[in-house]
Protein backbone atom coordinates (compact mmCIF):
# COMPACT_ATOMS: atom_id res chain seq x y z
CA MET A 1 -54.54 -54.62 -265.94
CA MET A 2 -52.33 -55.05 -262.83
CA ASP A 3 -53.48 -57.04 -259.98
CA THR A 4 -54.40 -54.63 -257.05
CA HIS A 5 -55.01 -57.21 -254.50
CA THR A 6 -51.96 -56.87 -252.18
CA ASP A 7 -51.26 -56.04 -248.52
CA LYS A 8 -47.72 -54.82 -248.89
CA ALA A 9 -46.72 -51.11 -249.17
CA VAL A 10 -43.83 -48.82 -249.27
CA ILE A 11 -43.80 -45.26 -248.46
CA TYR A 12 -42.15 -42.27 -250.49
CA CYS A 13 -41.24 -39.13 -248.79
CA ARG A 14 -39.41 -36.08 -250.25
CA VAL A 15 -38.07 -32.50 -249.19
CA SER A 16 -36.21 -30.26 -251.51
CA SER A 17 -33.04 -29.92 -249.90
CA GLN A 18 -30.56 -31.51 -247.46
CA LYS A 19 -31.14 -28.44 -245.06
CA GLN A 20 -35.01 -29.27 -244.74
CA MET A 21 -34.07 -32.82 -244.12
CA ARG A 22 -31.61 -31.78 -241.19
CA GLU A 23 -33.52 -29.14 -239.63
CA GLY A 24 -37.14 -29.50 -240.62
CA ASP A 25 -39.81 -31.91 -239.69
CA GLY A 26 -41.29 -32.58 -243.12
CA LEU A 27 -40.17 -36.14 -243.77
CA GLU A 28 -41.33 -37.31 -240.48
CA SER A 29 -44.74 -35.50 -240.85
CA GLN A 30 -45.05 -37.18 -244.23
CA ARG A 31 -44.35 -40.62 -242.86
CA VAL A 32 -46.78 -40.32 -240.00
CA ARG A 33 -49.38 -39.42 -242.46
CA CYS A 34 -48.59 -42.27 -244.84
CA GLU A 35 -48.49 -44.82 -241.95
CA GLU A 36 -51.83 -43.61 -240.71
CA PHE A 37 -53.25 -44.13 -244.30
CA ALA A 38 -51.66 -47.58 -244.59
CA LYS A 39 -53.16 -48.59 -241.31
CA TYR A 40 -56.46 -47.35 -242.41
CA ARG A 41 -56.18 -49.43 -245.68
CA GLY A 42 -54.95 -52.58 -243.88
CA LEU A 43 -51.45 -52.43 -245.47
CA GLN A 44 -48.17 -53.60 -244.15
CA VAL A 45 -45.31 -51.09 -244.64
CA VAL A 46 -42.22 -52.99 -245.65
CA GLU A 47 -39.81 -49.97 -246.47
CA ILE A 48 -39.60 -46.29 -246.44
CA PHE A 49 -37.71 -44.10 -248.80
CA ARG A 50 -36.73 -40.72 -248.15
CA ASP A 51 -35.38 -38.05 -250.76
CA ASP A 52 -33.94 -34.63 -250.51
CA ALA A 53 -33.94 -33.56 -253.97
CA SER A 54 -36.00 -31.06 -256.21
CA GLY A 55 -39.35 -32.12 -257.29
CA SER A 56 -38.42 -31.22 -260.80
CA LEU A 57 -35.94 -33.98 -261.02
CA ILE A 58 -36.58 -37.42 -262.24
CA ASN A 59 -33.30 -39.28 -261.14
CA ARG A 60 -33.36 -38.92 -257.28
CA PRO A 61 -31.31 -41.36 -255.21
CA ALA A 62 -34.34 -42.76 -252.89
CA MET A 63 -36.74 -42.75 -255.94
CA LYS A 64 -34.19 -44.99 -257.85
CA ALA A 65 -33.73 -47.23 -254.89
CA MET A 66 -37.49 -47.59 -254.61
CA ILE A 67 -37.97 -48.51 -258.24
CA ALA A 68 -35.15 -50.99 -257.82
CA PHE A 69 -36.93 -52.39 -254.65
CA LEU A 70 -40.33 -52.82 -256.57
CA LYS A 71 -38.72 -54.49 -259.53
CA SER A 72 -36.97 -57.08 -257.16
CA ARG A 73 -40.30 -58.05 -255.77
CA LYS A 74 -42.57 -60.75 -257.09
CA GLU A 75 -45.88 -59.35 -255.97
CA PRO A 76 -47.04 -55.83 -256.53
CA HIS A 77 -46.75 -53.18 -253.71
CA VAL A 78 -48.69 -50.20 -253.08
CA VAL A 79 -46.58 -46.85 -252.99
CA ILE A 80 -47.93 -44.31 -250.62
CA ILE A 81 -47.20 -40.68 -251.04
CA ASP A 82 -48.47 -37.87 -248.78
CA ASP A 83 -49.48 -35.48 -251.53
CA ILE A 84 -48.97 -35.19 -255.32
CA SER A 85 -46.50 -32.60 -254.83
CA ARG A 86 -44.32 -35.24 -253.14
CA LEU A 87 -43.91 -37.38 -256.17
CA ALA A 88 -42.78 -34.28 -258.58
CA ARG A 89 -43.05 -30.69 -258.98
CA SER A 90 -43.56 -30.77 -262.86
CA LEU A 91 -46.01 -32.31 -265.06
CA GLU A 92 -43.20 -33.99 -267.27
CA ALA A 93 -41.72 -35.53 -264.10
CA HIS A 94 -44.86 -36.59 -262.69
CA LEU A 95 -45.95 -38.64 -265.69
CA ALA A 96 -42.40 -40.16 -266.22
CA LEU A 97 -42.30 -41.26 -262.46
CA ARG A 98 -45.94 -42.42 -262.64
CA ASP A 99 -45.10 -44.64 -265.59
CA LYS A 100 -41.87 -45.99 -263.90
CA ILE A 101 -43.68 -46.91 -260.79
CA ARG A 102 -46.41 -48.77 -262.63
CA LYS A 103 -44.02 -50.66 -264.76
CA ALA A 104 -42.00 -51.73 -261.67
CA GLY A 105 -44.99 -53.20 -260.02
CA GLY A 106 -46.11 -50.14 -257.89
CA ILE A 107 -49.72 -49.15 -257.28
CA LEU A 108 -49.71 -45.33 -256.45
CA GLN A 109 -51.95 -44.14 -253.74
CA SER A 110 -52.28 -41.03 -251.40
CA PRO A 111 -54.63 -39.86 -248.67
CA THR A 112 -55.26 -36.73 -250.60
CA ILE A 113 -56.01 -37.91 -254.31
CA ASP A 114 -57.34 -40.81 -255.99
CA PHE A 115 -54.91 -42.17 -258.68
CA SER A 116 -57.59 -44.23 -260.67
CA ASP A 117 -56.55 -44.98 -264.18
CA GLU A 118 -60.26 -45.92 -265.01
CA ASP A 119 -61.91 -42.84 -263.73
CA SER A 120 -61.72 -39.99 -266.22
CA ASP A 121 -62.54 -37.52 -263.68
CA SER A 122 -59.84 -38.54 -261.43
CA SER A 123 -57.33 -38.75 -264.20
CA LEU A 124 -58.16 -35.18 -264.99
CA MET A 125 -57.92 -34.07 -261.45
CA GLU A 126 -54.59 -35.83 -261.09
CA HIS A 127 -53.28 -33.98 -264.33
CA VAL A 128 -54.69 -30.57 -263.01
CA LEU A 129 -53.16 -30.93 -259.51
CA ALA A 130 -49.77 -31.89 -261.18
CA SER A 131 -49.96 -28.70 -263.47
CA VAL A 132 -50.76 -26.73 -260.47
CA SER A 133 -47.74 -28.21 -258.54
CA GLN A 134 -45.54 -27.16 -261.29
CA HIS A 135 -47.03 -23.67 -261.51
CA ALA A 136 -46.42 -23.26 -257.90
CA ARG A 137 -42.75 -24.57 -258.08
CA MET A 138 -42.18 -21.93 -261.05
CA LYS A 139 -43.86 -19.21 -259.08
CA ILE A 140 -41.74 -19.81 -255.91
CA ARG A 141 -38.67 -19.86 -258.02
CA GLU A 142 -39.52 -16.54 -259.78
CA THR A 143 -40.56 -14.77 -256.59
CA THR A 144 -37.10 -15.96 -254.85
CA ARG A 145 -35.11 -14.80 -257.76
CA ASN A 146 -36.66 -11.44 -257.73
CA ARG A 147 -36.13 -10.98 -254.08
CA MET A 148 -32.57 -12.31 -254.34
CA ARG A 149 -31.77 -9.73 -257.10
CA GLY A 150 -33.52 -6.90 -255.33
CA ARG A 151 -31.19 -7.75 -252.30
CA MET A 152 -28.07 -7.91 -254.47
CA MET A 153 -29.05 -4.61 -255.93
CA ASN A 154 -28.90 -3.24 -252.34
CA GLY A 155 -25.41 -4.65 -251.97
CA TYR A 156 -26.05 -7.97 -250.20
CA TRP A 157 -24.74 -11.11 -251.65
CA SER A 158 -27.67 -13.59 -251.95
CA PHE A 159 -25.88 -16.97 -252.66
CA ARG A 160 -23.40 -19.18 -250.82
CA ALA A 161 -20.72 -17.26 -249.06
CA PRO A 162 -17.29 -17.04 -250.94
CA ILE A 163 -14.40 -18.80 -249.21
CA GLY A 164 -13.01 -16.30 -246.84
CA TYR A 165 -16.41 -15.06 -245.72
CA LYS A 166 -19.25 -16.19 -243.66
CA PHE A 167 -22.78 -15.07 -243.13
CA GLN A 168 -23.52 -13.44 -239.60
CA ARG A 169 -26.71 -11.88 -238.51
CA VAL A 170 -26.12 -8.21 -238.14
CA ALA A 171 -28.78 -5.54 -237.12
CA GLY A 172 -30.17 -3.50 -239.73
CA HIS A 173 -28.67 -5.87 -242.40
CA GLY A 174 -29.94 -9.48 -241.78
CA ASN A 175 -27.37 -11.89 -243.21
CA LEU A 176 -24.18 -10.20 -244.08
CA LEU A 177 -20.99 -11.30 -245.16
CA VAL A 178 -18.13 -10.90 -242.57
CA ARG A 179 -14.57 -12.07 -242.49
CA ASP A 180 -13.92 -15.61 -241.79
CA GLU A 181 -10.56 -15.72 -240.10
CA PRO A 182 -7.85 -17.00 -240.48
CA VAL A 183 -8.84 -17.68 -244.23
CA ALA A 184 -9.73 -14.02 -244.81
CA SER A 185 -6.10 -12.93 -243.92
CA LEU A 186 -4.59 -15.72 -246.09
CA ILE A 187 -6.70 -14.63 -249.10
CA GLN A 188 -5.59 -11.00 -248.51
CA GLU A 189 -1.99 -12.35 -248.42
CA ILE A 190 -2.14 -14.17 -251.82
CA PHE A 191 -4.02 -11.14 -253.48
CA GLU A 192 -1.32 -8.67 -252.06
CA GLY A 193 1.42 -11.10 -252.90
CA TYR A 194 0.40 -11.60 -256.57
CA ALA A 195 -0.28 -7.97 -257.18
CA SER A 196 3.40 -7.16 -255.86
CA GLY A 197 5.04 -10.05 -257.58
CA ARG A 198 5.76 -12.13 -254.48
CA PHE A 199 4.03 -15.12 -256.41
CA GLY A 200 5.00 -15.71 -259.80
CA GLY A 201 1.69 -17.23 -261.09
CA PRO A 202 -1.39 -19.10 -260.05
CA ALA A 203 0.66 -22.52 -259.98
CA GLU A 204 2.77 -20.95 -257.24
CA ILE A 205 -0.37 -19.64 -255.30
CA MET A 206 -2.10 -23.15 -255.69
CA ARG A 207 0.90 -24.79 -254.23
CA TYR A 208 1.09 -22.35 -251.34
CA LEU A 209 -2.38 -22.89 -250.42
CA VAL A 210 -2.20 -26.57 -250.55
CA ALA A 211 0.51 -26.56 -247.99
CA HIS A 212 -0.94 -23.95 -245.82
CA PRO A 213 -2.40 -25.52 -242.70
CA VAL A 214 -5.49 -23.13 -242.42
CA TRP A 215 -6.76 -23.44 -246.12
CA PRO A 216 -9.97 -25.45 -245.72
CA ARG A 217 -9.79 -28.84 -247.59
CA SER A 218 -12.59 -30.52 -249.64
CA ARG A 219 -12.42 -34.01 -250.77
CA SER A 220 -15.21 -33.27 -253.52
CA GLU A 221 -13.05 -30.18 -254.89
CA THR A 222 -9.21 -30.70 -255.57
CA MET A 223 -7.26 -27.52 -255.43
CA THR A 224 -6.37 -26.66 -259.21
CA ILE A 225 -5.07 -23.70 -261.21
CA GLU A 226 -8.62 -23.16 -262.49
CA ARG A 227 -9.91 -22.89 -258.77
CA VAL A 228 -7.25 -20.38 -258.02
CA MET A 229 -8.09 -18.35 -261.12
CA GLU A 230 -11.81 -18.26 -259.86
CA LEU A 231 -10.58 -17.21 -256.53
CA LEU A 232 -8.62 -14.30 -258.05
CA GLU A 233 -11.37 -13.13 -260.30
CA ARG A 234 -13.82 -12.78 -257.46
CA VAL A 235 -14.53 -9.07 -257.01
CA HIS A 236 -16.34 -9.71 -253.51
CA TYR A 237 -13.09 -9.37 -251.84
CA ALA A 238 -12.63 -5.75 -253.24
CA GLY A 239 -16.32 -5.14 -251.82
CA TYR A 240 -18.21 -5.21 -255.03
CA LEU A 241 -20.90 -7.67 -256.53
CA ASN A 242 -20.87 -9.01 -260.11
CA TYR A 243 -23.63 -11.06 -261.38
CA PRO A 244 -23.92 -10.56 -265.25
CA ALA A 245 -26.87 -13.01 -265.48
CA TRP A 246 -29.10 -10.66 -263.46
CA GLY A 247 -27.53 -7.33 -264.90
CA ILE A 248 -25.57 -6.60 -261.93
CA HIS A 249 -22.10 -5.16 -262.59
CA MET A 250 -19.61 -3.83 -259.89
CA GLN A 251 -22.39 -2.99 -257.51
CA PRO A 252 -20.87 -1.52 -254.40
CA ALA A 253 -21.35 -4.15 -251.49
CA LYS A 254 -22.26 -3.74 -247.78
CA HIS A 255 -19.85 -6.19 -246.64
CA GLU A 256 -16.15 -5.31 -245.51
CA PRO A 257 -13.72 -5.82 -248.29
CA ILE A 258 -10.60 -7.86 -247.74
CA ILE A 259 -8.60 -6.10 -250.16
CA SER A 260 -8.54 -2.72 -252.07
CA LEU A 261 -9.83 -2.27 -255.39
CA ALA A 262 -6.46 -1.12 -256.68
CA THR A 263 -5.09 -4.44 -255.52
CA PHE A 264 -7.83 -6.42 -257.45
CA ASN A 265 -7.29 -4.40 -260.53
CA ALA A 266 -3.50 -5.08 -260.25
CA VAL A 267 -4.25 -8.67 -260.03
CA ARG A 268 -6.60 -8.67 -262.91
CA GLU A 269 -3.89 -6.79 -265.09
CA ARG A 270 -1.41 -9.71 -264.14
CA LEU A 271 -3.75 -12.20 -265.27
CA SER A 272 -4.66 -10.60 -268.35
CA GLY A 273 -1.14 -11.25 -269.53
CA ASN A 274 0.29 -7.59 -269.25
CA ALA A 275 3.34 -8.97 -267.64
CA LYS A 276 6.33 -6.49 -266.85
CA VAL A 277 8.75 -8.91 -268.44
CA PRO A 278 7.22 -10.78 -271.34
CA ALA A 279 8.34 -14.32 -272.20
CA ARG A 280 9.53 -13.98 -275.69
CA LYS A 281 11.20 -16.64 -277.88
CA ASP A 282 13.27 -14.04 -279.62
CA ILE A 283 15.14 -12.80 -276.69
CA HIS A 284 18.72 -13.98 -276.92
CA GLU A 285 21.74 -14.01 -274.58
CA ASP A 286 23.26 -11.21 -276.77
CA PHE A 287 20.32 -8.89 -275.88
CA PRO A 288 18.93 -9.57 -272.41
CA LEU A 289 17.21 -6.03 -272.32
CA ARG A 290 15.20 -6.71 -275.16
CA GLY A 291 11.45 -6.24 -274.58
CA PHE A 292 12.11 -4.64 -271.06
CA VAL A 293 13.42 -1.21 -272.00
CA GLU A 294 10.97 1.12 -273.71
CA CYS A 295 11.52 3.81 -276.06
CA ASP A 296 10.90 7.18 -274.25
CA ASP A 297 9.26 8.84 -277.22
CA CYS A 298 6.62 6.29 -277.99
CA GLY A 299 6.53 3.81 -275.04
CA SER A 300 7.13 0.79 -277.22
CA PRO A 301 9.56 -1.89 -276.15
CA LEU A 302 13.08 -1.49 -277.78
CA THR A 303 14.10 -4.36 -280.25
CA SER A 304 17.68 -5.40 -281.12
CA CYS A 305 19.97 -6.71 -283.91
CA TRP A 306 23.39 -7.18 -285.25
CA ALA A 307 24.55 -4.58 -287.79
CA LYS A 308 27.10 -5.71 -290.22
CA GLY A 309 30.19 -3.41 -290.66
CA ARG A 310 33.16 -3.81 -293.21
CA SER A 311 35.01 -6.26 -291.02
CA GLU A 312 32.75 -7.07 -288.17
CA ARG A 313 29.40 -7.08 -286.71
CA TYR A 314 27.98 -4.50 -284.05
CA PRO A 315 25.26 -4.91 -281.59
CA TYR A 316 22.35 -2.33 -281.32
CA TYR A 317 19.10 -1.71 -279.76
CA HIS A 318 16.61 0.42 -281.62
CA CYS A 319 12.85 1.53 -281.90
CA GLN A 320 10.98 -0.01 -284.82
CA THR A 321 7.51 1.86 -284.28
CA LYS A 322 6.72 3.74 -287.29
CA GLY A 323 5.98 7.40 -286.72
CA CYS A 324 8.18 7.66 -283.57
CA ARG A 325 10.94 10.27 -283.42
CA SER A 326 13.39 7.54 -282.85
CA TYR A 327 12.26 4.99 -285.41
CA GLY A 328 15.01 3.23 -287.01
CA LYS A 329 17.78 5.13 -284.99
CA SER A 330 20.39 2.75 -283.26
CA ILE A 331 21.65 2.80 -279.60
CA LYS A 332 24.77 0.98 -279.01
CA ARG A 333 24.41 -1.96 -276.92
CA ASP A 334 27.31 -1.32 -274.63
CA VAL A 335 26.09 2.12 -273.98
CA LEU A 336 22.54 1.09 -272.95
CA GLU A 337 23.63 -1.74 -270.92
CA SER A 338 26.18 0.13 -269.22
CA GLY A 339 23.63 2.62 -268.14
CA PHE A 340 21.42 -0.23 -266.94
CA ARG A 341 24.48 -1.58 -264.86
CA ASP A 342 24.56 1.95 -263.30
CA ILE A 343 20.92 1.53 -262.27
CA LEU A 344 21.56 -1.75 -260.57
CA ASN A 345 24.50 -0.29 -258.50
CA THR A 346 22.21 2.39 -257.32
CA VAL A 347 19.58 -0.06 -255.90
CA THR A 348 22.21 -2.19 -254.23
CA PRO A 349 21.92 -1.76 -250.59
CA SER A 350 24.98 -1.13 -248.40
CA VAL A 351 26.25 -3.86 -245.91
CA GLU A 352 24.96 -2.10 -242.81
CA LEU A 353 21.47 -1.62 -244.44
CA LEU A 354 21.37 -5.40 -245.67
CA GLY A 355 22.05 -6.19 -241.83
CA VAL A 356 19.05 -4.10 -240.61
CA ALA A 357 16.96 -5.77 -243.34
CA THR A 358 18.02 -9.14 -242.16
CA ALA A 359 17.18 -8.46 -238.57
CA ILE A 360 13.75 -7.25 -239.63
CA PHE A 361 13.06 -10.18 -241.76
CA HIS A 362 14.16 -12.40 -238.71
CA ASP A 363 11.65 -10.53 -236.52
CA LEU A 364 8.99 -11.13 -239.06
CA TRP A 365 9.82 -14.84 -239.26
CA GLU A 366 9.59 -15.02 -235.46
CA ALA A 367 6.24 -13.30 -235.62
CA ALA A 368 5.05 -15.88 -238.21
CA SER A 369 6.24 -18.71 -236.16
CA ALA A 370 4.23 -17.30 -233.26
CA SER A 371 1.18 -16.90 -235.44
CA SER A 372 1.31 -20.59 -236.17
CA LYS A 373 -0.21 -21.25 -232.89
CA ASN A 374 -3.28 -19.66 -234.13
CA ALA A 375 -3.35 -21.81 -237.07
CA GLN A 376 -2.98 -24.97 -234.71
CA ALA A 377 -5.80 -23.61 -232.69
CA HIS A 378 -8.01 -23.51 -235.63
CA LEU A 379 -6.90 -27.06 -236.72
CA MET A 380 -7.98 -28.32 -233.34
CA THR A 381 -11.28 -26.67 -233.62
CA GLU A 382 -11.89 -28.34 -237.10
CA ALA A 383 -10.72 -31.59 -235.54
CA LEU A 384 -13.41 -31.13 -232.75
CA ARG A 385 -16.13 -30.30 -235.49
CA LEU A 386 -15.23 -33.58 -237.29
CA GLU A 387 -15.72 -35.43 -233.99
CA ARG A 388 -19.14 -34.21 -233.45
CA GLN A 389 -19.98 -34.92 -237.10
CA ILE A 390 -18.65 -38.52 -236.68
CA GLU A 391 -20.95 -38.85 -233.34
CA GLN A 392 -23.98 -37.59 -235.20
CA LEU A 393 -23.53 -40.10 -238.00
CA VAL A 394 -22.91 -42.92 -235.76
CA ASP A 395 -26.41 -42.06 -233.92
CA ARG A 396 -27.95 -41.87 -237.40
CA ILE A 397 -26.63 -45.35 -238.47
CA VAL A 398 -27.98 -46.86 -235.03
CA ASN A 399 -31.45 -45.36 -235.59
CA ALA A 400 -31.76 -45.69 -239.41
CA GLU A 401 -34.00 -48.48 -241.07
CA SER A 402 -33.40 -48.07 -244.55
CA GLU A 403 -30.49 -50.01 -246.03
CA THR A 404 -29.93 -47.31 -248.57
CA LEU A 405 -29.51 -44.61 -245.88
CA ILE A 406 -27.38 -46.75 -243.66
CA GLY A 407 -25.06 -47.43 -246.65
CA ALA A 408 -24.80 -43.71 -247.34
CA TYR A 409 -23.95 -42.89 -243.67
CA GLU A 410 -21.33 -45.40 -243.49
CA ASN A 411 -19.59 -43.98 -246.70
CA ARG A 412 -19.81 -40.43 -245.22
CA LEU A 413 -18.52 -41.92 -241.97
CA ARG A 414 -15.41 -43.50 -243.83
CA ALA A 415 -14.73 -40.09 -245.34
CA LEU A 416 -14.78 -38.23 -242.16
CA GLU A 417 -12.56 -40.86 -240.33
CA ALA A 418 -9.82 -40.32 -243.22
CA GLU A 419 -10.23 -36.57 -242.92
CA LYS A 420 -9.85 -37.00 -239.07
CA VAL A 421 -6.56 -38.88 -239.52
CA GLU A 422 -5.15 -36.11 -242.02
CA MET A 423 -6.33 -33.32 -239.53
CA LYS A 424 -4.39 -35.08 -236.70
CA GLU A 425 -1.28 -35.11 -238.94
CA LYS A 426 -1.58 -31.37 -239.79
CA ILE A 427 -1.88 -30.48 -236.10
CA ALA A 428 1.23 -32.47 -235.24
CA ASN A 429 3.20 -30.84 -238.13
CA CYS A 430 1.77 -27.23 -237.46
CA GLY A 431 4.29 -24.75 -236.34
CA ARG A 432 7.26 -26.77 -237.51
CA PRO A 433 8.87 -24.97 -240.36
CA LEU A 434 10.38 -27.02 -243.31
CA ASN A 435 13.78 -25.22 -242.87
CA ASP A 436 15.26 -22.80 -240.58
CA PHE A 437 15.67 -19.08 -241.02
CA ASP A 438 19.09 -19.18 -242.60
CA THR A 439 18.43 -21.94 -245.11
CA THR A 440 15.02 -20.10 -246.06
CA TYR A 441 16.50 -16.75 -246.56
CA ARG A 442 20.00 -17.16 -247.69
CA THR A 443 19.27 -17.26 -251.36
CA ALA A 444 16.88 -14.28 -251.03
CA MET A 445 19.28 -12.25 -249.17
CA GLU A 446 22.33 -12.99 -251.50
CA PHE A 447 20.12 -11.67 -254.27
CA LEU A 448 18.98 -8.54 -252.49
CA GLY A 449 22.37 -7.91 -251.33
CA ASN A 450 23.83 -7.68 -254.89
CA PRO A 451 21.64 -8.06 -257.84
CA ALA A 452 24.23 -6.63 -260.18
CA LYS A 453 26.46 -9.71 -259.34
CA ARG A 454 23.69 -11.98 -260.66
CA TRP A 455 23.38 -9.66 -263.73
CA ASP A 456 27.16 -9.87 -264.48
CA PHE A 457 27.71 -13.66 -263.91
CA GLY A 458 24.22 -15.18 -264.60
CA ASP A 459 22.85 -16.82 -267.55
CA LEU A 460 19.97 -15.37 -269.70
CA SER A 461 17.28 -16.89 -267.22
CA GLU A 462 19.13 -15.27 -264.28
CA LYS A 463 19.37 -12.04 -266.05
CA ARG A 464 15.61 -12.09 -266.81
CA ALA A 465 14.91 -13.21 -263.01
CA VAL A 466 16.93 -9.92 -261.94
CA LEU A 467 14.72 -7.64 -264.30
CA LYS A 468 11.53 -9.32 -262.78
CA LEU A 469 12.61 -9.26 -259.09
CA THR A 470 14.02 -5.80 -259.12
CA PHE A 471 11.83 -3.60 -261.28
CA GLU A 472 8.26 -3.15 -260.84
CA SER A 473 7.65 -2.30 -264.59
CA ARG A 474 9.73 -1.67 -267.84
CA ILE A 475 12.31 1.28 -267.86
CA ARG A 476 12.15 3.93 -270.37
CA TYR A 477 15.38 5.05 -272.10
CA HIS A 478 16.05 8.31 -274.09
CA ARG A 479 18.60 8.39 -276.77
CA GLU A 480 20.23 11.55 -275.55
CA GLU A 481 19.42 11.76 -271.75
CA GLY A 482 19.73 7.95 -270.96
CA PHE A 483 17.37 5.79 -268.61
CA ARG A 484 14.46 7.56 -266.82
CA THR A 485 13.65 6.95 -263.15
CA ALA A 486 13.07 3.15 -262.57
CA GLU A 487 10.17 1.81 -260.30
CA THR A 488 11.73 -0.80 -258.14
CA THR A 489 9.80 -3.66 -256.43
CA VAL A 490 8.77 -3.73 -252.81
CA PRO A 491 11.87 -5.16 -251.15
CA PHE A 492 13.96 -2.30 -252.82
CA ASN A 493 11.47 0.11 -251.81
CA ILE A 494 11.82 -0.79 -248.22
CA PHE A 495 15.67 -0.42 -248.58
CA ASN A 496 15.12 3.04 -250.09
CA CYS A 497 12.91 3.96 -246.99
CA LEU A 498 15.49 2.74 -244.54
CA CYS A 499 18.32 4.54 -246.34
CA GLY A 500 16.18 7.82 -246.25
CA SER A 501 15.11 7.46 -242.67
CA ASP A 502 17.25 10.32 -241.54
CA SER A 503 16.18 12.71 -244.20
CA ASP A 504 13.61 15.41 -243.88
CA GLU A 505 11.34 13.85 -246.27
CA SER A 506 11.26 10.49 -244.61
CA GLU A 507 8.03 9.53 -242.84
CA MET A 508 9.84 6.84 -240.54
CA VAL A 509 10.16 7.23 -236.93
CA HIS A 510 13.63 8.48 -236.02
CA PRO A 511 15.81 6.02 -233.85
CA THR A 512 15.58 8.33 -230.95
CA GLY A 513 11.76 8.49 -230.95
CA PHE A 514 9.57 11.66 -230.38
CA GLU A 515 10.85 12.49 -226.94
CA PRO A 516 13.47 14.78 -226.07
CA VAL A 517 16.90 13.23 -225.93
CA ALA A 518 18.16 12.96 -222.44
CA PRO A 519 21.67 14.17 -221.80
CA ARG A 520 24.14 11.43 -221.24
CA LEU A 521 25.76 11.04 -217.78
CA GLY A 522 29.44 12.25 -217.37
CA ILE A 523 29.39 14.63 -220.44
């Protein structure tokens, strides 16, 4: 049996979360009670260990530090806990930690229970109380889960706020998700940009977010394609809740959506692989429209081949879908591609219209440059927040007594200092574009001004890029009537709107506005 004659003691305190450690007084209350008990027993407290982990866990930072401390001492130490539930919240964890403390040279004591190994009644009471503590933990978890599920069924998100949202107390709702600007607008931009084809894929979105000054940085979570995919699959942004583990699917939410459900579904369709221009290994320079043009009779993409004649070979497109009226019937390559070339000519804007578009884009560029001031203000706010956190950590280091806590605070302080340096660099660079307007938009405007030129003189990859950037989806082709109406992408739709601004069907404001035209002087 261990020698229990000792006047040295350590105190172990525990709360279940960091929030309780920051905002509550549970740890200090436990410490005061344990110190009072030590004074009553004539024990000298040599160290205090504080944990902020669940009672169901065995491996906790402060518990491990205390076990190591006990092993490093030659004489046994009394381990004082305020209550049996502070040691563990499950019978299995209680017995395991009890054994570890004993083997390390610790003698467990508490002002609320006798941990005697020789008294059968005390041992029974200890096991009963440990089981009751476990039952209480399980009951609390069960009750909390049911309440959270019920709240989610009513349309309220019950977990941590998704990025782009924050919780705010709203009358009649309690904690409600509200837009967290400017991140919410940035998320809206990437959803709408990916749905419209502005972003080619998750990798491009990842690079855009990493370079954007307002996107929140986390040293523990590096931005990856997987994180971008998780972001794009969150239906919260469309105003719905999904939590399959609790049987909640597309539950209408009470919070304000950042995007429309149509935009969310368009993004999901792109993520599922339903690309408008599939990447195929069998697409050859001889047939750049293979896989992009659809048969008007069945909707299947046309395939292609070289047919052997008496003296030479002839290129054809054709439909290979069995049961289709056009199955096996060939279309001359020159006829089909000539018709496609005519479509490209129709979407090419005039020089005057291109000048108007350039002026509009320039105004948007200037507006974006002006909005960078808001981003800079956001960064400066974040820098002030870091300053406050650093000051708080310094105060904690000065007041801390435990070497373990001091080491943890110092590690966190170094991380915040590094983040502060990075933040200052971002503030200095915020608002300075990498290139000027002419350099940034030159290539884009050259393409928009004449996509047919890229089609005529570009290689296969450039031809495929023309298809992707010009048309929103595949184009249907009828063997006798030719191409059906093509759906163009957003930039060319804008050109069409500008071109039709003088027509009766146009919804754009006439250049003269709504007021009557004043007569010119001298006429």
